[in-house]
Amino acid sequence: MALAAVTIRVMPTSPQVDLKKLKNEIEKIITKIGGILHSNEEQPIAFGLKAIIFIIGWPESKDPDVIESELAKVKDVNSIEITDVRRAFG
């Protein structure tokens, strides 16, 4: 099974959102839909708001739009954006 490395930017609804809780919930969903979590990091945006950047392994045979549609359902998520998709080697 060939994997793609997919980078996703998740924007919370406000700076008051508990990012640790949000990360945990998103990680569970990524695993449930068939992704393999590689890493996540917080990226400052403005006025205390931080985006969460996830890098996941995703089967090339599956449409990456599934990721956006599933994560958009999570409470406290304002937006989801796939910012990069690359073929993973190794």
N, C-alpha and C. Protein backbone atom coordinates (compact mmCIF):
# COMPACT_ATOMS: atom_id res chain seq x y z
N MET A 1 0.85 -1.18 0.00
CA MET A 1 0.00 0.00 0.00
C MET A 1 0.90 1.24 0.00
N ALA A 2 0.75 2.07 -1.01
CA ALA A 2 1.52 3.31 -1.11
C ALA A 2 0.88 4.37 -0.22
N LEU A 3 1.73 5.16 0.41
CA LEU A 3 1.24 6.22 1.29
C LEU A 3 1.61 7.59 0.75
N ALA A 4 0.73 8.54 1.02
CA ALA A 4 1.01 9.94 0.75
C ALA A 4 1.21 10.62 2.10
N ALA A 5 2.08 11.62 2.12
CA ALA A 5 2.25 12.46 3.31
C ALA A 5 1.35 13.66 3.11
N VAL A 6 0.37 13.81 4.00
CA VAL A 6 -0.62 14.88 3.88
C VAL A 6 -0.44 15.84 5.05
N THR A 7 -0.34 17.13 4.73
CA THR A 7 -0.23 18.17 5.75
C THR A 7 -1.58 18.88 5.83
N ILE A 8 -2.09 18.98 7.05
CA ILE A 8 -3.42 19.55 7.28
C ILE A 8 -3.30 20.69 8.29
N ARG A 9 -3.95 21.82 8.00
CA ARG A 9 -4.00 22.92 8.96
C ARG A 9 -5.42 23.00 9.53
N VAL A 10 -5.51 22.89 10.84
CA VAL A 10 -6.79 22.96 11.54
C VAL A 10 -6.85 24.28 12.29
N MET A 11 -7.88 25.07 12.02
CA MET A 11 -8.08 26.34 12.71
C MET A 11 -9.20 26.17 13.74
N PRO A 12 -8.91 26.44 15.01
CA PRO A 12 -9.96 26.37 16.04
C PRO A 12 -10.87 27.59 15.93
N THR A 13 -12.00 27.52 16.60
CA THR A 13 -12.99 28.60 16.53
C THR A 13 -12.56 29.84 17.30
N SER A 14 -11.70 29.68 18.31
CA SER A 14 -11.26 30.84 19.09
C SER A 14 -9.96 30.51 19.84
N PRO A 15 -9.29 31.53 20.36
CA PRO A 15 -8.08 31.28 21.16
C PRO A 15 -8.35 30.55 22.47
N GLN A 16 -9.60 30.53 22.91
CA GLN A 16 -9.95 29.88 24.18
C GLN A 16 -10.12 28.36 24.06
N VAL A 17 -10.09 27.82 22.86
CA VAL A 17 -10.27 26.38 22.66
C VAL A 17 -9.09 25.64 23.29
N ASP A 18 -9.39 24.56 24.00
CA ASP A 18 -8.36 23.70 24.59
C ASP A 18 -7.71 22.89 23.46
N LEU A 19 -6.51 23.33 23.05
CA LEU A 19 -5.85 22.70 21.91
C LEU A 19 -5.43 21.26 22.18
N LYS A 20 -5.07 20.97 23.41
CA LYS A 20 -4.68 19.59 23.74
C LYS A 20 -5.87 18.64 23.54
N LYS A 21 -7.03 19.05 24.01
CA LYS A 21 -8.23 18.24 23.85
C LYS A 21 -8.60 18.11 22.37
N LEU A 22 -8.48 19.22 21.64
CA LEU A 22 -8.80 19.21 20.21
C LEU A 22 -7.84 18.29 19.45
N LYS A 23 -6.55 18.35 19.77
CA LYS A 23 -5.56 17.47 19.13
C LYS A 23 -5.91 16.00 19.37
N ASN A 24 -6.23 15.66 20.61
CA ASN A 24 -6.57 14.27 20.94
C ASN A 24 -7.77 13.77 20.14
N GLU A 25 -8.79 14.61 20.04
CA GLU A 25 -9.99 14.22 19.31
C GLU A 25 -9.69 14.03 17.82
N ILE A 26 -8.91 14.93 17.25
CA ILE A 26 -8.57 14.84 15.84
C ILE A 26 -7.69 13.62 15.57
N GLU A 27 -6.75 13.35 16.46
CA GLU A 27 -5.89 12.18 16.30
C GLU A 27 -6.71 10.89 16.28
N LYS A 28 -7.73 10.80 17.13
CA LYS A 28 -8.59 9.62 17.15
C LYS A 28 -9.33 9.46 15.83
N ILE A 29 -9.82 10.57 15.29
CA ILE A 29 -10.55 10.51 14.02
C ILE A 29 -9.63 10.13 12.88
N ILE A 30 -8.43 10.69 12.84
CA ILE A 30 -7.46 10.36 11.79
C ILE A 30 -7.18 8.86 11.78
N THR A 31 -6.96 8.30 12.95
CA THR A 31 -6.70 6.87 13.06
C THR A 31 -7.93 6.06 12.62
N LYS A 32 -9.10 6.49 13.04
CA LYS A 32 -10.35 5.79 12.73
C LYS A 32 -10.61 5.74 11.22
N ILE A 33 -10.28 6.81 10.49
CA ILE A 33 -10.56 6.84 9.05
C ILE A 33 -9.42 6.28 8.21
N GLY A 34 -8.37 5.78 8.86
CA GLY A 34 -7.32 5.08 8.13
C GLY A 34 -6.02 5.83 7.96
N GLY A 35 -5.87 6.97 8.61
CA GLY A 35 -4.63 7.72 8.54
C GLY A 35 -3.64 7.27 9.60
N ILE A 36 -2.38 7.60 9.38
CA ILE A 36 -1.32 7.29 10.33
C ILE A 36 -0.70 8.61 10.77
N LEU A 37 -0.88 8.97 12.02
CA LEU A 37 -0.38 10.24 12.52
C LEU A 37 1.13 10.23 12.56
N HIS A 38 1.75 11.23 11.97
CA HIS A 38 3.20 11.37 12.00
C HIS A 38 3.60 12.42 13.02
N SER A 39 3.00 13.61 12.95
CA SER A 39 3.34 14.67 13.90
C SER A 39 2.26 15.73 13.92
N ASN A 40 2.33 16.58 14.95
CA ASN A 40 1.48 17.76 15.00
C ASN A 40 2.24 18.87 15.71
N GLU A 41 1.92 20.09 15.36
CA GLU A 41 2.55 21.24 16.02
C GLU A 41 1.58 22.41 15.98
N GLU A 42 1.78 23.32 16.91
CA GLU A 42 0.96 24.53 16.96
C GLU A 42 1.68 25.63 16.21
N GLN A 43 0.89 26.42 15.46
CA GLN A 43 1.45 27.53 14.69
C GLN A 43 0.71 28.80 15.07
N PRO A 44 1.41 29.79 15.67
CA PRO A 44 0.75 31.05 16.03
C PRO A 44 0.22 31.76 14.79
N ILE A 45 -0.99 32.28 14.89
CA ILE A 45 -1.61 33.01 13.78
C ILE A 45 -1.66 34.51 14.12
N ALA A 46 -2.52 34.89 15.07
CA ALA A 46 -2.63 36.28 15.50
C ALA A 46 -3.54 36.38 16.71
N PHE A 47 -3.29 37.35 17.56
CA PHE A 47 -4.15 37.65 18.71
C PHE A 47 -4.40 36.43 19.59
N GLY A 48 -3.40 35.59 19.76
CA GLY A 48 -3.51 34.41 20.61
C GLY A 48 -4.07 33.18 19.92
N LEU A 49 -4.54 33.33 18.70
CA LEU A 49 -5.09 32.19 17.96
C LEU A 49 -3.94 31.36 17.40
N LYS A 50 -4.06 30.04 17.55
CA LYS A 50 -3.04 29.12 17.03
C LYS A 50 -3.71 28.07 16.16
N ALA A 51 -3.07 27.77 15.03
CA ALA A 51 -3.51 26.66 14.18
C ALA A 51 -2.76 25.41 14.62
N ILE A 52 -3.34 24.26 14.34
CA ILE A 52 -2.65 22.99 14.59
C ILE A 52 -2.32 22.40 13.23
N ILE A 53 -1.05 22.09 13.03
CA ILE A 53 -0.58 21.51 11.78
C ILE A 53 -0.33 20.01 12.03
N PHE A 54 -1.03 19.18 11.28
CA PHE A 54 -0.87 17.73 11.38
C PHE A 54 -0.19 17.23 10.11
N ILE A 55 0.72 16.30 10.26
CA ILE A 55 1.27 15.58 9.12
C ILE A 55 0.90 14.12 9.32
N ILE A 56 0.22 13.56 8.33
CA ILE A 56 -0.26 12.18 8.46
C ILE A 56 0.14 11.37 7.23
N GLY A 57 0.21 10.07 7.42
CA GLY A 57 0.34 9.14 6.31
C GLY A 57 -1.07 8.77 5.87
N TRP A 58 -1.30 8.81 4.56
CA TRP A 58 -2.64 8.56 4.04
C TRP A 58 -2.53 7.63 2.83
N PRO A 59 -3.33 6.57 2.77
CA PRO A 59 -3.28 5.66 1.62
C PRO A 59 -3.56 6.41 0.32
N GLU A 60 -2.68 6.25 -0.66
CA GLU A 60 -2.86 6.96 -1.93
C GLU A 60 -4.15 6.56 -2.63
N SER A 61 -4.64 5.38 -2.34
CA SER A 61 -5.87 4.90 -2.99
C SER A 61 -7.13 5.58 -2.44
N LYS A 62 -7.01 6.27 -1.31
CA LYS A 62 -8.17 6.93 -0.70
C LYS A 62 -8.13 8.42 -0.99
N ASP A 63 -9.30 9.00 -1.19
CA ASP A 63 -9.43 10.43 -1.46
C ASP A 63 -9.12 11.23 -0.20
N PRO A 64 -8.17 12.18 -0.26
CA PRO A 64 -7.85 12.98 0.93
C PRO A 64 -8.99 13.92 1.37
N ASP A 65 -9.98 14.12 0.51
CA ASP A 65 -11.12 14.97 0.89
C ASP A 65 -11.90 14.37 2.05
N VAL A 66 -11.76 13.06 2.25
CA VAL A 66 -12.41 12.38 3.38
C VAL A 66 -11.90 12.99 4.69
N ILE A 67 -10.62 13.32 4.73
CA ILE A 67 -10.02 13.90 5.93
C ILE A 67 -10.72 15.20 6.27
N GLU A 68 -10.83 16.09 5.28
CA GLU A 68 -11.47 17.39 5.52
C GLU A 68 -12.91 17.24 5.97
N SER A 69 -13.65 16.37 5.30
CA SER A 69 -15.07 16.24 5.65
C SER A 69 -15.27 15.68 7.05
N GLU A 70 -14.44 14.73 7.47
CA GLU A 70 -14.58 14.16 8.81
C GLU A 70 -14.13 15.13 9.90
N LEU A 71 -13.02 15.81 9.68
CA LEU A 71 -12.51 16.73 10.71
C LEU A 71 -13.36 17.99 10.83
N ALA A 72 -14.04 18.38 9.77
CA ALA A 72 -14.90 19.56 9.82
C ALA A 72 -16.08 19.36 10.77
N LYS A 73 -16.40 18.11 11.10
CA LYS A 73 -17.51 17.81 12.00
C LYS A 73 -17.14 17.98 13.48
N VAL A 74 -15.85 18.13 13.77
CA VAL A 74 -15.39 18.19 15.15
C VAL A 74 -15.77 19.54 15.77
N LYS A 75 -16.29 19.46 16.99
CA LYS A 75 -16.65 20.67 17.74
C LYS A 75 -15.39 21.52 17.94
N ASP A 76 -15.54 22.82 17.87
CA ASP A 76 -14.48 23.82 18.06
C ASP A 76 -13.52 23.93 16.88
N VAL A 77 -13.84 23.29 15.75
CA VAL A 77 -13.03 23.44 14.54
C VAL A 77 -13.72 24.45 13.63
N ASN A 78 -12.99 25.51 13.30
CA ASN A 78 -13.52 26.54 12.41
C ASN A 78 -13.30 26.15 10.95
N SER A 79 -12.08 25.68 10.63
CA SER A 79 -11.80 25.30 9.26
C SER A 79 -10.68 24.27 9.20
N ILE A 80 -10.68 23.53 8.09
CA ILE A 80 -9.67 22.51 7.81
C ILE A 80 -9.13 22.82 6.43
N GLU A 81 -7.82 22.75 6.27
CA GLU A 81 -7.23 22.96 4.96
C GLU A 81 -6.09 21.96 4.75
N ILE A 82 -6.16 21.23 3.65
CA ILE A 82 -5.05 20.37 3.26
C ILE A 82 -4.07 21.28 2.53
N THR A 83 -2.89 21.46 3.11
CA THR A 83 -1.92 22.40 2.54
C THR A 83 -0.86 21.73 1.68
N ASP A 84 -0.71 20.41 1.79
CA ASP A 84 0.31 19.72 1.01
C ASP A 84 0.00 18.23 0.94
N VAL A 85 0.23 17.64 -0.22
CA VAL A 85 0.10 16.20 -0.40
C VAL A 85 1.32 15.77 -1.21
N ARG A 86 2.07 14.81 -0.68
CA ARG A 86 3.26 14.31 -1.36
C ARG A 86 3.31 12.80 -1.26
N ARG A 87 3.94 12.19 -2.23
CA ARG A 87 4.15 10.75 -2.15
C ARG A 87 5.21 10.50 -1.08
N ALA A 88 4.92 9.58 -0.18
CA ALA A 88 5.84 9.24 0.91
C ALA A 88 6.72 8.08 0.46
N PHE A 89 7.99 8.17 0.73
CA PHE A 89 8.92 7.10 0.40
C PHE A 89 9.48 6.52 1.67
N GLY A 90 9.86 5.27 1.63
CA GLY A 90 10.54 4.67 2.75
C GLY A 90 9.68 3.79 3.51
